[in-house]
C-alpha atoms as a PDB file:
ATOM      1  CA  MET A   1       8.075  -0.819  19.210  1.00  0.00           C
ATOM      2  CA  THR A   2       7.999  -3.704  16.775  1.00  0.00           C
ATOM      3  CA  THR A   3      10.066  -3.731  13.627  1.00  0.00           C
ATOM      4  CA  ASP A   4       7.623  -6.177  11.998  1.00  0.00           C
ATOM      5  CA  PHE A   5       5.056  -5.316   9.351  1.00  0.00           C
ATOM      6  CA  ARG A   6       1.761  -4.671  11.138  1.00  0.00           C
ATOM      7  CA  PHE A   7      -1.801  -5.061   9.893  1.00  0.00           C
ATOM      8  CA  ARG A   8      -4.866  -3.989  11.878  1.00  0.00           C
ATOM      9  CA  HIS A   9      -8.506  -4.907  11.418  1.00  0.00           C
ATOM     10  CA  ARG A  10     -11.678  -4.808  13.483  1.00  0.00           C
ATOM     11  CA  VAL A  11     -13.578  -8.012  14.297  1.00  0.00           C
ATOM     12  CA  ARG A  12     -16.990  -8.031  12.630  1.00  0.00           C
ATOM     13  CA  TYR A  13     -20.127  -9.522  14.159  1.00  0.00           C
ATOM     14  CA  GLY A  14     -20.368 -12.296  11.531  1.00  0.00           C
ATOM     15  CA  GLU A  15     -16.848 -13.513  12.416  1.00  0.00           C
ATOM     16  CA  CYS A  16     -17.936 -14.603  15.898  1.00  0.00           C
ATOM     17  CA  ASP A  17     -19.373 -17.955  16.975  1.00  0.00           C
ATOM     18  CA  PRO A  18     -22.147 -18.817  19.486  1.00  0.00           C
ATOM     19  CA  GLN A  19     -19.565 -18.564  22.308  1.00  0.00           C
ATOM     20  CA  GLN A  20     -19.219 -14.877  21.316  1.00  0.00           C
ATOM     21  CA  VAL A  21     -15.557 -15.163  20.359  1.00  0.00           C
ATOM     22  CA  VAL A  22     -13.963 -15.136  16.910  1.00  0.00           C
ATOM     23  CA  PHE A  23     -14.726 -18.478  15.250  1.00  0.00           C
ATOM     24  CA  ASN A  24     -11.471 -20.451  14.976  1.00  0.00           C
ATOM     25  CA  ALA A  25     -11.754 -20.966  11.196  1.00  0.00           C
ATOM     26  CA  ARG A  26     -11.817 -17.182  10.639  1.00  0.00           C
ATOM     27  CA  TYR A  27      -8.188 -16.929  11.698  1.00  0.00           C
ATOM     28  CA  GLY A  28      -7.153 -18.625   8.439  1.00  0.00           C
ATOM     29  CA  ASP A  29      -8.882 -15.774   6.589  1.00  0.00           C
ATOM     30  CA  PHE A  30      -7.324 -13.152   8.871  1.00  0.00           C
ATOM     31  CA  ILE A  31      -3.853 -14.625   8.343  1.00  0.00           C
ATOM     32  CA  ASP A  32      -4.338 -14.733   4.574  1.00  0.00           C
ATOM     33  CA  ILE A  33      -5.487 -11.102   4.437  1.00  0.00           C
ATOM     34  CA  GLY A  34      -2.547  -9.941   6.566  1.00  0.00           C
ATOM     35  CA  ILE A  35      -0.005 -11.892   4.540  1.00  0.00           C
ATOM     36  CA  THR A  36      -1.545 -10.585   1.307  1.00  0.00           C
ATOM     37  CA  GLU A  37      -0.936  -7.029   2.544  1.00  0.00           C
ATOM     38  CA  TYR A  38       2.594  -7.967   3.641  1.00  0.00           C
ATOM     39  CA  LEU A  39       3.365  -9.316   0.168  1.00  0.00           C
ATOM     40  CA  ARG A  40       1.731  -6.309  -1.522  1.00  0.00           C
ATOM     41  CA  HIS A  41       4.174  -3.998   0.243  1.00  0.00           C
ATOM     42  CA  MET A  42       7.138  -6.339  -0.294  1.00  0.00           C
ATOM     43  CA  LEU A  43       6.697  -7.791  -3.790  1.00  0.00           C
ATOM     44  CA  GLY A  44       3.906  -5.809  -5.420  1.00  0.00           C
ATOM     45  CA  GLY A  45       1.458  -8.500  -4.295  1.00  0.00           C
ATOM     46  CA  ILE A  46       0.747 -11.920  -5.693  1.00  0.00           C
ATOM     47  CA  GLN A  47       0.481 -10.200  -9.090  1.00  0.00           C
ATOM     48  CA  GLY A  48       4.192  -9.343  -8.783  1.00  0.00           C
ATOM     49  CA  LEU A  49       4.983 -13.048  -8.476  1.00  0.00           C
ATOM     50  CA  ASN A  50       2.589 -14.014 -11.257  1.00  0.00           C
ATOM     51  CA  ALA A  51       4.187 -11.494 -13.634  1.00  0.00           C
ATOM     52  CA  ARG A  52       7.449 -13.425 -13.136  1.00  0.00           C
ATOM     53  CA  GLY A  53       5.743 -16.730 -13.939  1.00  0.00           C
ATOM     54  CA  LEU A  54       5.688 -17.712 -10.261  1.00  0.00           C
ATOM     55  CA  ASP A  55       3.074 -18.408  -7.618  1.00  0.00           C
ATOM     56  CA  MET A  56       2.997 -19.836  -4.108  1.00  0.00           C
ATOM     57  CA  MET A  57       0.916 -22.459  -2.359  1.00  0.00           C
ATOM     58  CA  VAL A  58       0.266 -23.089   1.324  1.00  0.00           C
ATOM     59  CA  VAL A  59       1.651 -26.460   2.405  1.00  0.00           C
ATOM     60  CA  LYS A  60       1.310 -26.088   6.174  1.00  0.00           C
ATOM     61  CA  GLN A  61      -0.279 -23.737   8.662  1.00  0.00           C
ATOM     62  CA  THR A  62      -0.105 -24.003  12.436  1.00  0.00           C
ATOM     63  CA  LYS A  63      -2.074 -21.900  14.917  1.00  0.00           C
ATOM     64  CA  GLU A  64      -1.685 -21.507  18.667  1.00  0.00           C
ATOM     65  CA  TRP A  65      -4.412 -19.632  20.530  1.00  0.00           C
ATOM     66  CA  GLN A  66      -3.396 -17.525  23.503  1.00  0.00           C
ATOM     67  CA  GLY A  67      -6.562 -15.558  24.330  1.00  0.00           C
ATOM     68  CA  PRO A  68      -9.986 -14.632  22.959  1.00  0.00           C
ATOM     69  CA  ALA A  69     -11.009 -11.925  20.517  1.00  0.00           C
ATOM     70  CA  ARG A  70     -14.598 -10.694  20.360  1.00  0.00           C
ATOM     71  CA  PHE A  71     -16.894  -8.583  18.220  1.00  0.00           C
ATOM     72  CA  ASP A  72     -15.560  -5.039  17.672  1.00  0.00           C
ATOM     73  CA  ASP A  73     -12.095  -5.828  19.081  1.00  0.00           C
ATOM     74  CA  VAL A  74      -9.202  -4.407  17.080  1.00  0.00           C
ATOM     75  CA  LEU A  75      -6.618  -7.053  16.235  1.00  0.00           C
ATOM     76  CA  GLU A  76      -3.090  -6.216  15.183  1.00  0.00           C
ATOM     77  CA  GLN A  77      -1.051  -8.777  13.300  1.00  0.00           C
ATOM     78  CA  SER A  78       2.736  -8.539  13.498  1.00  0.00           C
ATOM     79  CA  ILE A  79       4.015 -10.279  10.383  1.00  0.00           C
ATOM     80  CA  ARG A  80       7.542 -11.288   9.442  1.00  0.00           C
ATOM     81  CA  THR A  81       9.295 -13.857   7.320  1.00  0.00           C
ATOM     82  CA  GLY A  82      10.607 -16.893   9.140  1.00  0.00           C
ATOM     83  CA  ARG A  83      12.728 -19.446   7.325  1.00  0.00           C
ATOM     84  CA  VAL A  84      13.619 -19.036   3.642  1.00  0.00           C
ATOM     85  CA  GLY A  85      14.721 -22.261   1.985  1.00  0.00           C
ATOM     86  CA  THR A  86      15.397 -23.364  -1.572  1.00  0.00           C
ATOM     87  CA  THR A  87      11.767 -23.807  -2.664  1.00  0.00           C
ATOM     88  CA  SER A  88       9.788 -22.901   0.460  1.00  0.00           C
ATOM     89  CA  PHE A  89       9.493 -20.136   3.017  1.00  0.00           C
ATOM     90  CA  SER A  90       7.495 -19.443   6.154  1.00  0.00           C
ATOM     91  CA  ILE A  91       5.674 -16.378   7.387  1.00  0.00           C
ATOM     92  CA  LEU A  92       5.112 -15.851  11.099  1.00  0.00           C
ATOM     93  CA  THR A  93       2.064 -13.981  12.366  1.00  0.00           C
ATOM     94  CA  ASP A  94       1.378 -12.850  15.951  1.00  0.00           C
ATOM     95  CA  PHE A  95      -2.060 -11.444  16.827  1.00  0.00           C
ATOM     96  CA  ALA A  96      -2.599  -8.994  19.691  1.00  0.00           C
ATOM     97  CA  ARG A  97      -5.759  -7.274  20.851  1.00  0.00           C
ATOM     98  CA  LEU A  98      -5.565  -3.488  21.052  1.00  0.00           C
ATOM     99  CA  PRO A  99      -5.297  -1.261  22.950  1.00  0.00           C
ATOM    100  CA  ASP A 100      -4.036  -3.542  25.767  1.00  0.00           C
ATOM    101  CA  GLY A 101      -1.741  -5.657  23.550  1.00  0.00           C
ATOM    102  CA  ALA A 102      -3.040  -8.930  24.988  1.00  0.00           C
ATOM    103  CA  PRO A 103      -1.816 -11.884  22.909  1.00  0.00           C
ATOM    104  CA  VAL A 104      -4.564 -13.663  20.964  1.00  0.00           C
ATOM    105  CA  MET A 105      -2.818 -16.209  18.742  1.00  0.00           C
ATOM    106  CA  LYS A 106       0.287 -16.923  16.736  1.00  0.00           C
ATOM    107  CA  SER A 107       0.766 -18.863  13.547  1.00  0.00           C
ATOM    108  CA  GLU A 108       3.302 -20.116  11.066  1.00  0.00           C
ATOM    109  CA  THR A 109       2.344 -20.471   7.415  1.00  0.00           C
ATOM    110  CA  VAL A 110       4.668 -22.406   5.107  1.00  0.00           C
ATOM    111  CA  TYR A 111       4.522 -21.786   1.376  1.00  0.00           C
ATOM    112  CA  VAL A 112       6.163 -23.527  -1.548  1.00  0.00           C
ATOM    113  CA  MET A 113       7.141 -21.534  -4.638  1.00  0.00           C
ATOM    114  CA  THR A 114       5.478 -22.881  -7.786  1.00  0.00           C
ATOM    115  CA  LEU A 115       5.241 -22.258 -11.479  1.00  0.00           C
ATOM    116  CA  PHE A 116       2.306 -19.908 -12.160  1.00  0.00           C
ATOM    117  CA  GLY A 117      -0.694 -21.920 -13.347  1.00  0.00           C
ATOM    118  CA  ALA A 118       0.795 -25.267 -12.295  1.00  0.00           C
ATOM    119  CA  ALA A 119       1.580 -27.015  -9.033  1.00  0.00           C
ATOM    120  CA  GLU A 120       5.225 -27.532  -9.997  1.00  0.00           C
ATOM    121  CA  LYS A 121       7.810 -26.561  -7.370  1.00  0.00           C
ATOM    122  CA  ARG A 122      10.335 -23.931  -8.350  1.00  0.00           C
ATOM    123  CA  PRO A 123      13.392 -22.544  -6.575  1.00  0.00           C
ATOM    124  CA  ILE A 124      12.900 -19.131  -4.984  1.00  0.00           C
ATOM    125  CA  PRO A 125      14.894 -16.642  -7.096  1.00  0.00           C
ATOM    126  CA  GLU A 126      17.667 -15.044  -5.026  1.00  0.00           C
ATOM    127  CA  ASP A 127      16.271 -11.500  -5.411  1.00  0.00           C
ATOM    128  CA  LEU A 128      12.884 -12.682  -4.049  1.00  0.00           C
ATOM    129  CA  ALA A 129      14.609 -14.608  -1.254  1.00  0.00           C
ATOM    130  CA  SER A 130      16.448 -11.409  -0.315  1.00  0.00           C
ATOM    131  CA  LEU A 131      13.187  -9.426  -0.228  1.00  0.00           C
ATOM    132  CA  LEU A 132      11.571 -12.110   1.920  1.00  0.00           C
ATOM    133  CA  ARG A 133      14.497 -12.079   4.352  1.00  0.00           C
ATOM    134  CA  HIS A 134      14.350  -8.294   4.650  1.00  0.00           C
ATOM    135  CA  GLY A 135      10.546  -8.126   5.067  1.00  0.00           C
ATOM    136  CA  VAL A 136       8.704  -4.840   5.439  1.00  0.00           C
ATOM    137  CA  PRO A 137       9.908  -3.483   8.782  1.00  0.00           C
ATOM    138  CA  GLY A 138       7.997  -0.712  10.501  1.00  0.00           C
ATOM    139  CA  ARG A 139       5.057  -0.512   8.056  1.00  0.00           C
ATOM    140  CA  LEU A 140       1.519  -0.300   9.463  1.00  0.00           C
ATOM    141  CA  VAL A 141      -1.601  -0.928   7.350  1.00  0.00           C
ATOM    142  CA  ASP A 142      -4.733   0.000   9.308  1.00  0.00           C
ATOM    143  CA  HIS A 143      -8.136  -1.336   8.234  1.00  0.00           C
ATOM    144  CA  ALA A 144      -9.580  -0.946  11.755  1.00  0.00           C
ATOM    145  CA  GLY A 145     -10.117   2.767  12.233  1.00  0.00           C
ATOM    146  CA  PRO A 146      -9.753   4.301  15.684  1.00  0.00           C
ATOM    147  CA  VAL A 147      -8.726   1.906  18.466  1.00  0.00           C
END
């Protein structure tokens, strides 16, 4: 059993391409939705950062496909914090297809902490860095329904 935060969703028809697999660009949306849920349970969401005068911006995202996902498949993202630096941090996401657990893709998203309303880098406050390092182990958010 994973100790990562997990987020499940079902692939919708409009997310598939003419090859009948999930269109590659949709994974950026899927990753963003999963990370948004991760941060909601960790920090009170992006609003929790904004209330502190902080925000975050994506500076890099890598994706490595391992297998296809198709219409009506249930995908589970396992999400955890990777590296936490002075002004940036990474979040790692692994996608698996349920119920067989077949790997679909993995990604790393790197964020830089900024001043809310401006693209000015800011150090990550130590209490936020600690929350990021701890993550949200064992939590499952299910938007898929029955597998």
